[in-house]
Amino acid sequence: MKQILFTLSFILLLGSSLLAQHKSIFTDLSRKSSNGGEVHIYQDADVQVLLNDYISAKKKEKGMQGYRVQIFFGSGHSARENANNIRNTFVSTYKDIPVHVVFEEPNFKVRVGDFRTKSEALDVLVKIKPTYQGAYIVKDFIEYPDLD
């Protein structure tokens, strides 16, 4: 019985000393909305440091997994020229959708968009399908969206 009491008191003493040594500095991420509401978020300062480290590491990757719509695939002597012609035609029609010409030996591919979800890619596929009947969705490494 004495041993159990000694063990419990040791655990309580050790636990309270560990808590006393942990000095956490919290940052206040309060925001006011245009309609007068307020949100208060208190976050440990170390969380922001970890988040910034994660963002820096991800920016070095130059992209992320996502989807694109492939509108051309070809090889041969005129494949590069055909890919560039299709790219130019697409750009003149759909100025707001990015176009990527990809060369994976011996094939040239024209892929459009930088979609994070398959449903976003499907919306564009339906839009361009009348012009590019052979278009289909592919998984690809896409560029990060602009957050500004």
Protein backbone atom coordinates (compact mmCIF):
# COMPACT_ATOMS: atom_id res chain seq x y z
CA MET A 1 0.00 0.00 0.00
CA LYS A 2 2.86 2.35 0.89
CA GLN A 3 4.49 1.58 -2.44
CA ILE A 4 1.30 2.47 -4.36
CA LEU A 5 0.95 5.78 -2.50
CA PHE A 6 4.61 6.55 -3.10
CA THR A 7 4.24 5.79 -6.83
CA LEU A 8 1.11 7.94 -7.17
CA SER A 9 2.65 10.88 -5.34
CA PHE A 10 5.79 10.59 -7.49
CA ILE A 11 3.72 10.63 -10.68
CA LEU A 12 1.72 13.66 -9.50
CA LEU A 13 4.87 15.51 -8.48
CA LEU A 14 6.61 14.73 -11.77
CA GLY A 15 3.54 15.72 -13.81
CA SER A 16 3.10 19.05 -12.04
CA SER A 17 6.78 19.92 -12.45
CA LEU A 18 6.61 19.18 -16.17
CA LEU A 19 3.57 21.39 -16.56
CA ALA A 20 5.23 24.18 -14.58
CA GLN A 21 8.25 24.14 -16.91
CA HIS A 22 6.18 24.35 -20.10
CA LYS A 23 5.79 28.03 -20.89
CA SER A 24 3.75 28.36 -24.03
CA ILE A 25 3.41 31.68 -25.77
CA PHE A 26 0.13 32.01 -27.60
CA THR A 27 -0.54 34.28 -30.53
CA ASP A 28 -3.89 35.94 -31.01
CA LEU A 29 -5.23 35.55 -34.54
CA SER A 30 -8.35 37.66 -33.97
CA ARG A 31 -10.28 38.82 -36.99
CA LYS A 32 -13.20 41.21 -37.37
CA SER A 33 -15.64 40.71 -40.20
CA SER A 34 -17.36 43.44 -42.20
CA ASN A 35 -20.70 42.70 -40.52
CA GLY A 36 -19.33 43.36 -37.02
CA GLY A 37 -18.68 39.78 -35.91
CA GLU A 38 -15.43 38.71 -34.27
CA VAL A 39 -13.46 35.49 -34.23
CA HIS A 40 -10.75 34.88 -31.63
CA ILE A 41 -8.22 32.13 -32.23
CA TYR A 42 -5.40 31.57 -29.79
CA GLN A 43 -2.61 29.46 -31.18
CA ASP A 44 0.72 28.36 -29.78
CA ALA A 45 3.50 30.34 -31.49
CA ASP A 46 5.31 27.10 -32.33
CA VAL A 47 2.39 26.09 -34.57
CA GLN A 48 3.03 29.10 -36.81
CA VAL A 49 6.73 28.22 -37.02
CA LEU A 50 5.87 24.65 -38.07
CA LEU A 51 3.33 25.91 -40.58
CA ASN A 52 5.84 28.30 -42.15
CA ASP A 53 8.41 25.48 -42.39
CA TYR A 54 5.83 23.26 -44.10
CA ILE A 55 4.88 26.00 -46.58
CA SER A 56 8.55 26.64 -47.42
CA ALA A 57 9.17 22.94 -48.04
CA LYS A 58 6.10 22.63 -50.27
CA LYS A 59 7.05 25.72 -52.31
CA LYS A 60 10.34 24.03 -53.21
CA GLU A 61 8.38 21.21 -54.84
CA LYS A 62 6.97 23.59 -57.48
CA GLY A 63 3.61 21.88 -57.55
CA MET A 64 1.26 19.22 -56.24
CA GLN A 65 -0.75 16.21 -57.39
CA GLY A 66 -3.86 17.15 -59.32
CA TYR A 67 -5.61 16.76 -62.66
CA ARG A 68 -5.39 18.12 -66.19
CA VAL A 69 -7.35 17.50 -69.37
CA GLN A 70 -5.28 16.00 -72.20
CA ILE A 71 -6.39 17.27 -75.60
CA PHE A 72 -3.56 15.96 -77.81
CA PHE A 73 -1.17 13.01 -77.89
CA GLY A 74 1.15 12.30 -80.77
CA SER A 75 4.56 11.18 -81.95
CA GLY A 76 6.46 11.35 -85.19
CA HIS A 77 8.07 14.03 -87.31
CA SER A 78 5.23 16.53 -87.11
CA ALA A 79 4.13 15.86 -83.54
CA ARG A 80 5.87 18.93 -82.10
CA GLU A 81 4.34 21.19 -84.74
CA ASN A 82 0.88 19.66 -84.25
CA ALA A 83 1.14 20.06 -80.47
CA ASN A 84 2.12 23.72 -80.79
CA ASN A 85 -0.69 24.39 -83.29
CA ILE A 86 -3.25 22.81 -80.97
CA ARG A 87 -1.80 24.77 -78.06
CA ASN A 88 -2.09 28.08 -79.97
CA THR A 89 -5.65 27.31 -81.06
CA PHE A 90 -6.67 26.44 -77.51
CA VAL A 91 -5.06 29.57 -76.05
CA SER A 92 -6.88 31.81 -78.52
CA THR A 93 -10.24 30.25 -77.59
CA TYR A 94 -9.81 29.70 -73.82
CA LYS A 95 -7.58 32.47 -72.51
CA ASP A 96 -8.31 31.76 -68.84
CA ILE A 97 -7.17 28.09 -68.86
CA PRO A 98 -3.42 27.38 -68.71
CA VAL A 99 -1.95 25.12 -71.41
CA HIS A 100 1.06 22.81 -71.04
CA VAL A 101 2.95 21.10 -73.86
CA VAL A 102 4.68 18.03 -72.45
CA PHE A 103 7.36 15.95 -74.15
CA GLU A 104 7.83 12.41 -72.86
CA GLU A 105 10.00 10.68 -75.42
CA PRO A 106 8.84 9.98 -78.09
CA ASN A 107 5.42 11.58 -77.47
CA PHE A 108 4.16 15.13 -77.37
CA LYS A 109 1.11 15.87 -75.21
CA VAL A 110 -1.00 18.96 -74.79
CA ARG A 111 -2.64 19.20 -71.39
CA VAL A 112 -4.81 22.01 -70.13
CA GLY A 113 -5.67 23.31 -66.68
CA ASP A 114 -4.30 22.94 -63.18
CA PHE A 115 -7.17 21.32 -61.27
CA ARG A 116 -6.96 20.20 -57.66
CA THR A 117 -10.03 17.97 -57.93
CA LYS A 118 -11.35 15.68 -60.61
CA SER A 119 -14.71 17.47 -60.58
CA GLU A 120 -13.00 20.77 -61.52
CA ALA A 121 -11.34 19.00 -64.45
CA LEU A 122 -14.66 17.42 -65.44
CA ASP A 123 -16.30 20.86 -65.69
CA VAL A 124 -13.67 21.96 -68.21
CA LEU A 125 -13.78 18.64 -70.05
CA VAL A 126 -17.53 19.06 -70.63
CA LYS A 127 -16.92 22.64 -71.82
CA ILE A 128 -14.23 21.74 -74.39
CA LYS A 129 -15.48 18.28 -75.45
CA PRO A 130 -17.39 19.58 -78.53
CA THR A 131 -14.14 20.97 -79.98
CA TYR A 132 -11.69 18.37 -78.61
CA GLN A 133 -13.65 15.12 -78.86
CA GLY A 134 -10.72 12.90 -77.85
CA ALA A 135 -10.03 14.87 -74.65
CA TYR A 136 -9.85 13.04 -71.33
CA ILE A 137 -8.81 13.67 -67.72
CA VAL A 138 -5.35 12.61 -66.51
CA LYS A 139 -3.62 12.74 -63.13
CA ASP A 140 -0.65 15.10 -63.29
CA PHE A 141 1.70 17.20 -61.19
CA ILE A 142 0.09 20.67 -61.29
CA GLU A 143 1.24 24.16 -60.39
CA TYR A 144 0.10 25.71 -57.13
CA PRO A 145 -2.87 28.04 -57.48
CA ASP A 146 -2.26 31.76 -56.95
CA LEU A 147 -3.50 32.72 -53.49
CA ASP A 148 -3.12 36.47 -53.98
